[in-house]
Amino acid sequence: MGSNIKIMPLRYETCDVKDLGYLISNMLMELIRLNDPIPLTGRLTRFHSRAPPGISCHDYLQRLIQHATLSPPILLSVVYYIDRLCSLYPSFTISSLTVHRFLITAATVAAKGLSDSFWTNPTYARIGGISVSELATLEMEFLEKVQWRIVPRPEVLVDYYVSLVQRCEGYQLEAASESEPT
């Protein structure tokens, strides 16, 4: 192993949100590369934009992390929501046309569902660059499509965290110590 390996903590709760944001945006970019070439053929959802926004997926996610103060559990819930939404709503995929609206909606829902303190919809809408009414519409659509089940089990978040670290070149989980509870 070279010295360019970023060692991530075993416990996702203690990881740097910017590192986690990088891992998530890396995964999102992989999904976008896979899904963008697939023709739409009438499978548009509320999450589709007419054109990809001018801000990259990575920069947008970092903006949300910084200004909406997203914690590791909230970020990992966003990843959980991708799988949940895609399995329950086959028309939805992560693409350059859906990723930004998905991210602001998922971050808003996760913050409200997992955090004792969260911002208001006007604040999330401003941070996300959409109108308050659009965020409210997207939030309602999202909640209905995931059947209002928005709080993942803690072990599910652990699995997503480990998977994100393992799939990204240059990142590795720290070694477990003898005293570390599993």
Protein backbone atom coordinates (compact mmCIF):
# COMPACT_ATOMS: atom_id res chain seq x y z
CA MET A 1 0.00 0.00 0.00
CA GLY A 2 1.32 3.40 -0.95
CA SER A 3 1.28 6.50 1.19
CA ASN A 4 -1.56 7.94 -0.92
CA ILE A 5 -4.14 5.81 0.90
CA LYS A 6 -6.66 7.75 2.98
CA ILE A 7 -7.45 5.78 6.13
CA MET A 8 -11.09 6.10 7.16
CA PRO A 9 -12.27 5.47 10.74
CA LEU A 10 -14.06 2.21 11.46
CA ARG A 11 -17.05 4.09 12.86
CA TYR A 12 -18.81 6.13 10.19
CA GLU A 13 -20.09 8.54 12.84
CA THR A 14 -16.54 9.85 13.31
CA CYS A 15 -15.53 10.23 9.67
CA ASP A 16 -14.97 13.61 8.04
CA VAL A 17 -18.13 14.58 6.14
CA LYS A 18 -16.04 15.95 3.25
CA ASP A 19 -14.39 12.53 2.81
CA LEU A 20 -17.77 10.82 2.97
CA GLY A 21 -19.12 13.33 0.46
CA TYR A 22 -16.25 12.47 -1.87
CA LEU A 23 -16.97 8.74 -1.59
CA ILE A 24 -20.68 9.31 -2.25
CA SER A 25 -20.13 11.65 -5.20
CA ASN A 26 -17.67 9.12 -6.64
CA MET A 27 -20.41 6.45 -6.48
CA LEU A 28 -22.99 8.87 -7.92
CA MET A 29 -20.69 9.71 -10.85
CA GLU A 30 -20.34 5.99 -11.56
CA LEU A 31 -24.15 5.64 -11.63
CA ILE A 32 -24.43 8.69 -13.90
CA ARG A 33 -21.85 7.20 -16.32
CA LEU A 34 -23.87 3.97 -16.42
CA ASN A 35 -27.34 5.55 -16.66
CA ASP A 36 -26.86 8.61 -18.87
CA PRO A 37 -26.49 6.59 -22.10
CA ILE A 38 -29.83 4.80 -21.48
CA PRO A 39 -32.56 6.44 -23.59
CA LEU A 40 -35.35 8.05 -21.52
CA THR A 41 -38.28 6.90 -23.70
CA GLY A 42 -41.04 8.49 -21.63
CA ARG A 43 -39.68 7.44 -18.23
CA LEU A 44 -39.51 10.95 -16.81
CA THR A 45 -40.05 11.55 -13.10
CA ARG A 46 -40.50 14.68 -11.00
CA PHE A 47 -36.76 14.47 -10.33
CA HIS A 48 -35.83 15.01 -13.99
CA SER A 49 -34.44 18.37 -15.09
CA ARG A 50 -34.60 19.55 -18.69
CA ALA A 51 -30.81 19.83 -18.72
CA PRO A 52 -28.07 18.99 -16.23
CA PRO A 53 -27.41 21.89 -13.84
CA GLY A 54 -24.20 23.84 -14.27
CA ILE A 55 -22.73 22.60 -10.96
CA SER A 56 -21.03 19.22 -10.79
CA CYS A 57 -22.50 16.46 -8.66
CA HIS A 58 -19.43 16.60 -6.38
CA ASP A 59 -19.57 20.38 -5.92
CA TYR A 60 -23.33 20.27 -5.33
CA LEU A 61 -23.01 17.57 -2.67
CA GLN A 62 -20.17 19.48 -0.98
CA ARG A 63 -22.37 22.60 -1.03
CA LEU A 64 -25.18 20.66 0.69
CA ILE A 65 -22.76 19.20 3.24
CA GLN A 66 -21.34 22.61 4.09
CA HIS A 67 -24.45 24.77 4.10
CA ALA A 68 -27.06 22.23 5.29
CA THR A 69 -24.67 20.78 7.88
CA LEU A 70 -25.21 17.16 6.86
CA SER A 71 -23.88 14.55 9.29
CA PRO A 72 -22.49 11.11 8.34
CA PRO A 73 -25.78 9.30 9.21
CA ILE A 74 -27.73 11.73 7.01
CA LEU A 75 -25.27 11.28 4.12
CA LEU A 76 -25.36 7.50 4.38
CA SER A 77 -29.16 7.62 4.49
CA VAL A 78 -29.05 9.44 1.15
CA VAL A 79 -27.18 6.43 -0.30
CA TYR A 80 -29.74 4.08 1.29
CA TYR A 81 -32.51 6.13 -0.35
CA ILE A 82 -31.01 5.54 -3.80
CA ASP A 83 -31.47 1.79 -3.42
CA ARG A 84 -34.87 2.16 -1.80
CA LEU A 85 -36.21 4.58 -4.40
CA CYS A 86 -34.83 2.59 -7.34
CA SER A 87 -36.36 -0.66 -6.07
CA LEU A 88 -39.79 0.86 -5.33
CA TYR A 89 -39.91 3.28 -8.28
CA PRO A 90 -38.47 1.60 -11.40
CA SER A 91 -38.78 4.77 -13.52
CA PHE A 92 -36.24 6.49 -11.28
CA THR A 93 -32.51 6.27 -11.92
CA ILE A 94 -29.61 8.45 -10.88
CA SER A 95 -28.50 10.38 -13.95
CA SER A 96 -27.15 13.83 -14.75
CA LEU A 97 -30.79 14.92 -15.08
CA THR A 98 -31.97 13.59 -11.69
CA VAL A 99 -29.03 13.61 -9.28
CA HIS A 100 -29.25 17.24 -8.11
CA ARG A 101 -32.97 17.21 -7.33
CA PHE A 102 -32.64 13.79 -5.74
CA LEU A 103 -29.78 14.99 -3.50
CA ILE A 104 -31.53 18.08 -2.14
CA THR A 105 -34.73 16.12 -1.58
CA ALA A 106 -32.99 13.16 0.06
CA ALA A 107 -30.87 15.45 2.25
CA THR A 108 -33.97 17.35 3.38
CA VAL A 109 -35.91 14.16 4.17
CA ALA A 110 -32.95 12.52 5.93
CA ALA A 111 -32.23 15.60 8.05
CA LYS A 112 -35.85 15.79 9.17
CA GLY A 113 -36.09 12.04 9.79
CA LEU A 114 -32.78 11.47 11.56
CA SER A 115 -31.83 14.72 13.24
CA ASP A 116 -33.27 16.51 16.23
CA SER A 117 -32.34 19.84 14.69
CA PHE A 118 -32.73 20.67 11.03
CA TRP A 119 -33.24 23.70 8.80
CA THR A 120 -36.54 24.87 7.32
CA ASN A 121 -37.64 24.08 3.77
CA PRO A 122 -36.92 27.65 2.60
CA THR A 123 -33.32 27.19 3.80
CA TYR A 124 -32.91 23.81 2.10
CA ALA A 125 -34.50 25.18 -1.08
CA ARG A 126 -32.10 28.16 -1.12
CA ILE A 127 -29.09 25.91 -0.52
CA GLY A 128 -30.30 23.50 -3.23
CA GLY A 129 -31.10 26.21 -5.76
CA ILE A 130 -34.78 25.33 -6.20
CA SER A 131 -38.03 26.98 -5.15
CA VAL A 132 -39.69 26.14 -1.84
CA SER A 133 -42.77 24.85 -3.66
CA GLU A 134 -40.65 22.59 -5.86
CA LEU A 135 -38.85 21.18 -2.82
CA ALA A 136 -42.20 20.54 -1.12
CA THR A 137 -43.49 18.74 -4.23
CA LEU A 138 -40.30 16.67 -4.55
CA GLU A 139 -40.33 15.84 -0.84
CA MET A 140 -43.93 14.60 -1.00
CA GLU A 141 -43.25 12.54 -4.13
CA PHE A 142 -40.14 11.06 -2.50
CA LEU A 143 -41.92 10.15 0.74
CA GLU A 144 -44.79 8.50 -1.13
CA LYS A 145 -42.41 6.52 -3.38
CA VAL A 146 -40.38 5.21 -0.41
CA GLN A 147 -43.62 4.46 1.44
CA TRP A 148 -42.71 6.91 4.21
CA ARG A 149 -39.94 4.59 5.44
CA ILE A 150 -37.01 6.94 5.82
CA VAL A 151 -35.06 5.75 8.86
CA PRO A 152 -32.63 2.97 7.97
CA ARG A 153 -31.45 0.50 10.59
CA PRO A 154 -28.00 1.47 11.99
CA GLU A 155 -26.38 -1.71 10.66
CA VAL A 156 -27.57 -0.79 7.16
CA LEU A 157 -25.68 2.50 7.41
CA VAL A 158 -22.57 0.60 8.53
CA ASP A 159 -22.85 -1.67 5.47
CA TYR A 160 -23.19 1.30 3.11
CA TYR A 161 -20.21 3.04 4.73
CA VAL A 162 -17.96 -0.02 4.45
CA SER A 163 -19.06 -0.55 0.85
CA LEU A 164 -18.38 3.07 -0.10
CA VAL A 165 -14.86 2.93 1.38
CA GLN A 166 -14.06 -0.43 -0.22
CA ARG A 167 -15.22 0.58 -3.70
CA CYS A 168 -13.19 3.79 -3.88
CA GLU A 169 -9.56 3.52 -4.87
CA GLY A 170 -7.26 5.31 -2.46
CA TYR A 171 -9.50 4.82 0.58
CA GLN A 172 -9.28 2.14 3.24
CA LEU A 173 -10.88 1.45 6.61
CA GLU A 174 -8.55 1.60 9.59
CA ALA A 175 -7.60 -1.74 11.09
CA ALA A 176 -9.78 -2.91 13.97
CA SER A 177 -7.99 -2.88 17.32
CA GLU A 178 -8.37 -5.50 20.00
CA SER A 179 -10.29 -3.09 22.23
CA GLU A 180 -12.62 -1.87 19.44
CA PRO A 181 -16.19 -3.11 19.96
CA THR A 182 -17.66 -4.71 16.85
